[in-house]
């Protein structure tokens, strides 16, 4: 039992650090906005943890990624509540992709490729949508004066959608490719 907990902690730590590296390493992201928001591969490690370890692993890894962004100084925080929503909540909810972990793992064991790829797509969509919602509402509340004359809900929709939608698509394609080629990596050994 102890080796399972150790493996869990090691994987969460490694994949969370990888998410941060993918998020800050030049050339691995495409910055859209000066105040944050970039198209990147950084959500992929969080989804991998979520699909391997379930809800707990995904939520912990996402939460730690948000904290690491604050600690690394890459977070754009105007107000403490905005910081909590955009770095505590928004990155944590990516881990909700893990609600499909058991179904994905069972489909892998049964050799049902379309089934596990479908659940992976649902998981990535769920996590990405929840992250978008957190950023969207934070944008409405805390960035209302960003552009004069434009309704804040439109501004937040365009701002957050402009990087979240492409990130979702890229992450889905790459996670499909990763697990289609090596589906057994979705299974834990401990």
C-alpha atoms as a PDB file:
ATOM      1  CA  UNK A   1       0.000   0.000   0.000  1.00  0.00           C
ATOM      2  CA  UNK A   2       2.810   2.387   0.855  1.00  0.00           C
ATOM      3  CA  UNK A   3       4.374   2.090  -2.611  1.00  0.00           C
ATOM      4  CA  UNK A   4       1.043   3.167  -4.167  1.00  0.00           C
ATOM      5  CA  UNK A   5       1.009   6.366  -2.095  1.00  0.00           C
ATOM      6  CA  UNK A   6       4.640   7.013  -2.906  1.00  0.00           C
ATOM      7  CA  UNK A   7       4.048   6.516  -6.622  1.00  0.00           C
ATOM      8  CA  UNK A   8       1.025   8.830  -6.419  1.00  0.00           C
ATOM      9  CA  UNK A   9       3.052  11.600  -4.757  1.00  0.00           C
ATOM     10  CA  UNK A  10       5.954  11.182  -7.180  1.00  0.00           C
ATOM     11  CA  UNK A  11       3.741  11.299 -10.262  1.00  0.00           C
ATOM     12  CA  UNK A  12       1.769  14.285  -8.994  1.00  0.00           C
ATOM     13  CA  UNK A  13       5.002  16.153  -8.244  1.00  0.00           C
ATOM     14  CA  UNK A  14       6.663  15.311 -11.570  1.00  0.00           C
ATOM     15  CA  UNK A  15       3.651  16.035 -13.758  1.00  0.00           C
ATOM     16  CA  UNK A  16       2.836  19.248 -11.877  1.00  0.00           C
ATOM     17  CA  UNK A  17       6.403  20.463 -12.372  1.00  0.00           C
ATOM     18  CA  UNK A  18       6.163  19.494 -16.044  1.00  0.00           C
ATOM     19  CA  UNK A  19       2.958  21.548 -16.371  1.00  0.00           C
ATOM     20  CA  UNK A  20       4.757  24.580 -14.949  1.00  0.00           C
ATOM     21  CA  UNK A  21       7.728  24.079 -17.281  1.00  0.00           C
ATOM     22  CA  UNK A  22       5.450  23.770 -20.315  1.00  0.00           C
ATOM     23  CA  UNK A  23       3.698  26.935 -19.176  1.00  0.00           C
ATOM     24  CA  UNK A  24       6.797  29.105 -18.724  1.00  0.00           C
ATOM     25  CA  UNK A  25       9.341  27.682 -21.171  1.00  0.00           C
ATOM     26  CA  UNK A  26       9.709  30.014 -24.163  1.00  0.00           C
ATOM     27  CA  UNK A  27       8.799  28.370 -27.447  1.00  0.00           C
ATOM     28  CA  UNK A  28       6.365  25.886 -25.880  1.00  0.00           C
ATOM     29  CA  UNK A  29       3.578  28.406 -25.602  1.00  0.00           C
ATOM     30  CA  UNK A  30       2.046  31.098 -27.731  1.00  0.00           C
ATOM     31  CA  UNK A  31       1.297  34.194 -25.670  1.00  0.00           C
ATOM     32  CA  UNK A  32      -1.911  35.861 -26.747  1.00  0.00           C
ATOM     33  CA  UNK A  33      -2.315  38.579 -24.118  1.00  0.00           C
ATOM     34  CA  UNK A  34       0.103  40.647 -22.054  1.00  0.00           C
ATOM     35  CA  UNK A  35      -1.830  40.063 -18.833  1.00  0.00           C
ATOM     36  CA  UNK A  36      -1.807  36.282 -19.091  1.00  0.00           C
ATOM     37  CA  UNK A  37      -3.564  33.831 -21.310  1.00  0.00           C
ATOM     38  CA  UNK A  38      -1.527  31.751 -23.696  1.00  0.00           C
ATOM     39  CA  UNK A  39      -2.038  28.756 -25.913  1.00  0.00           C
ATOM     40  CA  UNK A  40       0.093  26.019 -24.428  1.00  0.00           C
ATOM     41  CA  UNK A  41       0.486  22.324 -23.781  1.00  0.00           C
ATOM     42  CA  UNK A  42       0.638  22.847 -20.028  1.00  0.00           C
ATOM     43  CA  UNK A  43      -2.731  21.244 -19.226  1.00  0.00           C
ATOM     44  CA  UNK A  44      -1.625  17.888 -20.664  1.00  0.00           C
ATOM     45  CA  UNK A  45       0.340  16.731 -17.588  1.00  0.00           C
ATOM     46  CA  UNK A  46      -2.625  17.557 -15.339  1.00  0.00           C
ATOM     47  CA  UNK A  47      -4.920  15.496 -17.558  1.00  0.00           C
ATOM     48  CA  UNK A  48      -2.451  12.594 -17.515  1.00  0.00           C
ATOM     49  CA  UNK A  49      -2.458  12.588 -13.704  1.00  0.00           C
ATOM     50  CA  UNK A  50      -6.258  12.852 -13.670  1.00  0.00           C
ATOM     51  CA  UNK A  51      -6.670   9.899 -16.047  1.00  0.00           C
ATOM     52  CA  UNK A  52      -4.134   7.759 -14.175  1.00  0.00           C
ATOM     53  CA  UNK A  53      -5.066   8.651 -10.576  1.00  0.00           C
ATOM     54  CA  UNK A  54      -8.629   9.873 -10.816  1.00  0.00           C
ATOM     55  CA  UNK A  55     -10.276  12.911  -9.310  1.00  0.00           C
ATOM     56  CA  UNK A  56      -7.943  13.197  -6.310  1.00  0.00           C
ATOM     57  CA  UNK A  57      -4.785  13.130  -8.414  1.00  0.00           C
ATOM     58  CA  UNK A  58      -6.129  15.587 -10.942  1.00  0.00           C
ATOM     59  CA  UNK A  59      -7.398  18.075  -8.369  1.00  0.00           C
ATOM     60  CA  UNK A  60      -4.179  17.968  -6.341  1.00  0.00           C
ATOM     61  CA  UNK A  61      -1.991  18.349  -9.410  1.00  0.00           C
ATOM     62  CA  UNK A  62      -4.086  21.216 -10.802  1.00  0.00           C
ATOM     63  CA  UNK A  63      -4.095  23.008  -7.459  1.00  0.00           C
ATOM     64  CA  UNK A  64      -0.332  22.659  -7.097  1.00  0.00           C
ATOM     65  CA  UNK A  65       0.190  23.953 -10.632  1.00  0.00           C
ATOM     66  CA  UNK A  66      -1.777  27.089  -9.761  1.00  0.00           C
ATOM     67  CA  UNK A  67       0.273  27.572  -6.584  1.00  0.00           C
ATOM     68  CA  UNK A  68       3.529  27.087  -8.482  1.00  0.00           C
ATOM     69  CA  UNK A  69       2.545  29.816 -10.929  1.00  0.00           C
ATOM     70  CA  UNK A  70       2.066  32.210  -8.027  1.00  0.00           C
ATOM     71  CA  UNK A  71       5.343  31.103  -6.410  1.00  0.00           C
ATOM     72  CA  UNK A  72       7.239  31.390  -9.714  1.00  0.00           C
ATOM     73  CA  UNK A  73       5.955  34.924 -10.228  1.00  0.00           C
ATOM     74  CA  UNK A  74       4.168  34.167 -13.490  1.00  0.00           C
ATOM     75  CA  UNK A  75       0.692  34.815 -12.076  1.00  0.00           C
ATOM     76  CA  UNK A  76      -1.126  38.048 -12.962  1.00  0.00           C
ATOM     77  CA  UNK A  77      -2.946  38.981  -9.776  1.00  0.00           C
ATOM     78  CA  UNK A  78      -4.749  42.290  -9.236  1.00  0.00           C
ATOM     79  CA  UNK A  79      -6.771  41.306  -6.173  1.00  0.00           C
ATOM     80  CA  UNK A  80      -6.467  38.414  -3.697  1.00  0.00           C
ATOM     81  CA  UNK A  81      -9.912  37.026  -4.578  1.00  0.00           C
ATOM     82  CA  UNK A  82      -9.099  37.199  -8.293  1.00  0.00           C
ATOM     83  CA  UNK A  83      -5.859  35.337  -7.555  1.00  0.00           C
ATOM     84  CA  UNK A  84      -7.726  32.617  -5.679  1.00  0.00           C
ATOM     85  CA  UNK A  85     -10.260  32.220  -8.487  1.00  0.00           C
ATOM     86  CA  UNK A  86      -7.782  32.292 -11.365  1.00  0.00           C
ATOM     87  CA  UNK A  87      -4.894  30.382  -9.817  1.00  0.00           C
ATOM     88  CA  UNK A  88      -6.434  28.386  -6.995  1.00  0.00           C
ATOM     89  CA  UNK A  89      -9.778  27.417  -8.484  1.00  0.00           C
ATOM     90  CA  UNK A  90      -9.280  27.593 -12.269  1.00  0.00           C
ATOM     91  CA  UNK A  91      -6.300  25.241 -12.338  1.00  0.00           C
ATOM     92  CA  UNK A  92      -7.694  22.917  -9.672  1.00  0.00           C
ATOM     93  CA  UNK A  93     -10.887  22.234 -11.633  1.00  0.00           C
ATOM     94  CA  UNK A  94      -8.843  20.821 -14.526  1.00  0.00           C
ATOM     95  CA  UNK A  95      -8.596  17.767 -12.290  1.00  0.00           C
ATOM     96  CA  UNK A  96     -12.302  17.056 -12.719  1.00  0.00           C
ATOM     97  CA  UNK A  97     -11.222  15.250 -15.881  1.00  0.00           C
ATOM     98  CA  UNK A  98     -10.396  12.475 -13.425  1.00  0.00           C
ATOM     99  CA  UNK A  99     -14.079  11.606 -12.924  1.00  0.00           C
ATOM    100  CA  UNK A 100     -13.683   9.472 -16.053  1.00  0.00           C
ATOM    101  CA  UNK A 101     -10.490   7.716 -14.925  1.00  0.00           C
ATOM    102  CA  UNK A 102     -12.049   4.388 -13.933  1.00  0.00           C
ATOM    103  CA  UNK A 103     -14.072   4.178 -17.159  1.00  0.00           C
ATOM    104  CA  UNK A 104     -10.974   5.032 -19.207  1.00  0.00           C
ATOM    105  CA  UNK A 105      -8.856   2.441 -17.431  1.00  0.00           C
ATOM    106  CA  UNK A 106     -11.519  -0.240 -17.804  1.00  0.00           C
ATOM    107  CA  UNK A 107     -11.887   0.500 -21.519  1.00  0.00           C
ATOM    108  CA  UNK A 108      -8.105   0.240 -21.931  1.00  0.00           C
ATOM    109  CA  UNK A 109      -8.133  -3.160 -20.178  1.00  0.00           C
ATOM    110  CA  UNK A 110     -10.990  -4.284 -22.438  1.00  0.00           C
ATOM    111  CA  UNK A 111      -9.236  -2.989 -25.567  1.00  0.00           C
ATOM    112  CA  UNK A 112     -12.085  -0.602 -26.428  1.00  0.00           C
ATOM    113  CA  UNK A 113     -10.199   2.195 -28.168  1.00  0.00           C
ATOM    114  CA  UNK A 114     -13.199   4.328 -29.157  1.00  0.00           C
ATOM    115  CA  UNK A 115     -14.590   4.123 -25.629  1.00  0.00           C
ATOM    116  CA  UNK A 116     -11.456   5.281 -23.828  1.00  0.00           C
ATOM    117  CA  UNK A 117     -10.771   7.984 -26.408  1.00  0.00           C
ATOM    118  CA  UNK A 118     -14.359   9.230 -25.973  1.00  0.00           C
ATOM    119  CA  UNK A 119     -13.974   9.395 -22.198  1.00  0.00           C
ATOM    120  CA  UNK A 120     -10.650  11.163 -22.596  1.00  0.00           C
ATOM    121  CA  UNK A 121     -12.363  13.746 -24.821  1.00  0.00           C
ATOM    122  CA  UNK A 122     -15.156  14.201 -22.254  1.00  0.00           C
ATOM    123  CA  UNK A 123     -12.626  14.552 -19.447  1.00  0.00           C
ATOM    124  CA  UNK A 124     -10.553  17.155 -21.263  1.00  0.00           C
ATOM    125  CA  UNK A 125     -13.714  19.021 -22.262  1.00  0.00           C
ATOM    126  CA  UNK A 126     -14.989  19.001 -18.665  1.00  0.00           C
ATOM    127  CA  UNK A 127     -11.705  20.193 -17.156  1.00  0.00           C
ATOM    128  CA  UNK A 128     -11.139  22.841 -19.827  1.00  0.00           C
ATOM    129  CA  UNK A 129     -14.720  24.118 -19.609  1.00  0.00           C
ATOM    130  CA  UNK A 130     -14.572  24.439 -15.830  1.00  0.00           C
ATOM    131  CA  UNK A 131     -11.251  26.275 -16.073  1.00  0.00           C
ATOM    132  CA  UNK A 132     -12.733  28.604 -18.722  1.00  0.00           C
ATOM    133  CA  UNK A 133     -15.760  29.322 -16.506  1.00  0.00           C
ATOM    134  CA  UNK A 134     -13.523  30.276 -13.576  1.00  0.00           C
ATOM    135  CA  UNK A 135     -11.440  32.614 -15.742  1.00  0.00           C
ATOM    136  CA  UNK A 136     -14.571  33.999 -17.424  1.00  0.00           C
ATOM    137  CA  UNK A 137     -16.282  34.965 -14.162  1.00  0.00           C
ATOM    138  CA  UNK A 138     -13.070  36.382 -12.704  1.00  0.00           C
ATOM    139  CA  UNK A 139     -12.778  38.461 -15.869  1.00  0.00           C
ATOM    140  CA  UNK A 140     -16.308  39.798 -15.480  1.00  0.00           C
ATOM    141  CA  UNK A 141     -15.804  40.737 -11.845  1.00  0.00           C
ATOM    142  CA  UNK A 142     -12.226  42.029 -11.848  1.00  0.00           C
ATOM    143  CA  UNK A 143     -11.558  43.358 -15.353  1.00  0.00           C
ATOM    144  CA  UNK A 144     -14.726  45.323 -16.040  1.00  0.00           C
ATOM    145  CA  UNK A 145     -12.904  48.444 -17.178  1.00  0.00           C
ATOM    146  CA  UNK A 146     -10.537  46.712 -19.597  1.00  0.00           C
ATOM    147  CA  UNK A 147     -12.059  48.146 -22.758  1.00  0.00           C
ATOM    148  CA  UNK A 148     -14.303  51.175 -22.709  1.00  0.00           C
ATOM    149  CA  UNK A 149     -17.614  50.804 -24.451  1.00  0.00           C
ATOM    150  CA  UNK A 150     -17.498  47.012 -24.693  1.00  0.00           C
ATOM    151  CA  UNK A 151     -19.680  44.952 -22.352  1.00  0.00           C
ATOM    152  CA  UNK A 152     -17.480  43.179 -19.826  1.00  0.00           C
ATOM    153  CA  UNK A 153     -19.090  39.792 -20.489  1.00  0.00           C
ATOM    154  CA  UNK A 154     -18.108  40.006 -24.181  1.00  0.00           C
ATOM    155  CA  UNK A 155     -14.586  41.125 -23.290  1.00  0.00           C
ATOM    156  CA  UNK A 156     -14.125  38.228 -20.858  1.00  0.00           C
ATOM    157  CA  UNK A 157     -15.635  35.735 -23.324  1.00  0.00           C
ATOM    158  CA  UNK A 158     -13.314  36.808 -26.151  1.00  0.00           C
ATOM    159  CA  UNK A 159     -10.255  37.203 -23.928  1.00  0.00           C
ATOM    160  CA  UNK A 160     -10.530  33.824 -22.212  1.00  0.00           C
ATOM    161  CA  UNK A 161     -11.999  31.971 -25.178  1.00  0.00           C
ATOM    162  CA  UNK A 162      -9.161  33.112 -27.444  1.00  0.00           C
ATOM    163  CA  UNK A 163      -6.634  30.971 -25.610  1.00  0.00           C
ATOM    164  CA  UNK A 164      -8.781  28.335 -23.902  1.00  0.00           C
ATOM    165  CA  UNK A 165     -10.438  26.992 -27.060  1.00  0.00           C
ATOM    166  CA  UNK A 166      -7.179  26.485 -28.994  1.00  0.00           C
ATOM    167  CA  UNK A 167      -5.507  25.036 -25.871  1.00  0.00           C
ATOM    168  CA  UNK A 168      -8.393  22.598 -25.453  1.00  0.00           C
ATOM    169  CA  UNK A 169      -8.153  21.474 -29.089  1.00  0.00           C
ATOM    170  CA  UNK A 170      -4.372  21.079 -29.042  1.00  0.00           C
ATOM    171  CA  UNK A 171      -4.400  19.232 -25.713  1.00  0.00           C
ATOM    172  CA  UNK A 172      -7.156  16.881 -26.872  1.00  0.00           C
ATOM    173  CA  UNK A 173      -5.322  15.998 -30.086  1.00  0.00           C
ATOM    174  CA  UNK A 174      -2.000  15.428 -28.312  1.00  0.00           C
ATOM    175  CA  UNK A 175      -3.498  13.408 -25.452  1.00  0.00           C
ATOM    176  CA  UNK A 176      -5.344  11.275 -28.028  1.00  0.00           C
ATOM    177  CA  UNK A 177      -2.084  10.704 -29.862  1.00  0.00           C
ATOM    178  CA  UNK A 178      -0.184   9.877 -26.654  1.00  0.00           C
ATOM    179  CA  UNK A 179      -2.692   7.362 -25.381  1.00  0.00           C
ATOM    180  CA  UNK A 180      -3.678   5.896 -28.732  1.00  0.00           C
ATOM    181  CA  UNK A 181      -0.046   4.902 -29.260  1.00  0.00           C
ATOM    182  CA  UNK A 182       0.531   3.783 -25.638  1.00  0.00           C
ATOM    183  CA  UNK A 183      -2.848   3.118 -23.968  1.00  0.00           C
ATOM    184  CA  UNK A 184      -1.292   0.955 -21.199  1.00  0.00           C
ATOM    185  CA  UNK A 185       0.327   4.091 -19.768  1.00  0.00           C
ATOM    186  CA  UNK A 186      -3.119   5.027 -18.520  1.00  0.00           C
ATOM    187  CA  UNK A 187      -2.998   2.075 -16.153  1.00  0.00           C
ATOM    188  CA  UNK A 188      -1.316   2.373 -12.779  1.00  0.00           C
ATOM    189  CA  UNK A 189       1.084  -0.373 -11.804  1.00  0.00           C
ATOM    190  CA  UNK A 190       0.670   0.161  -8.057  1.00  0.00           C
END
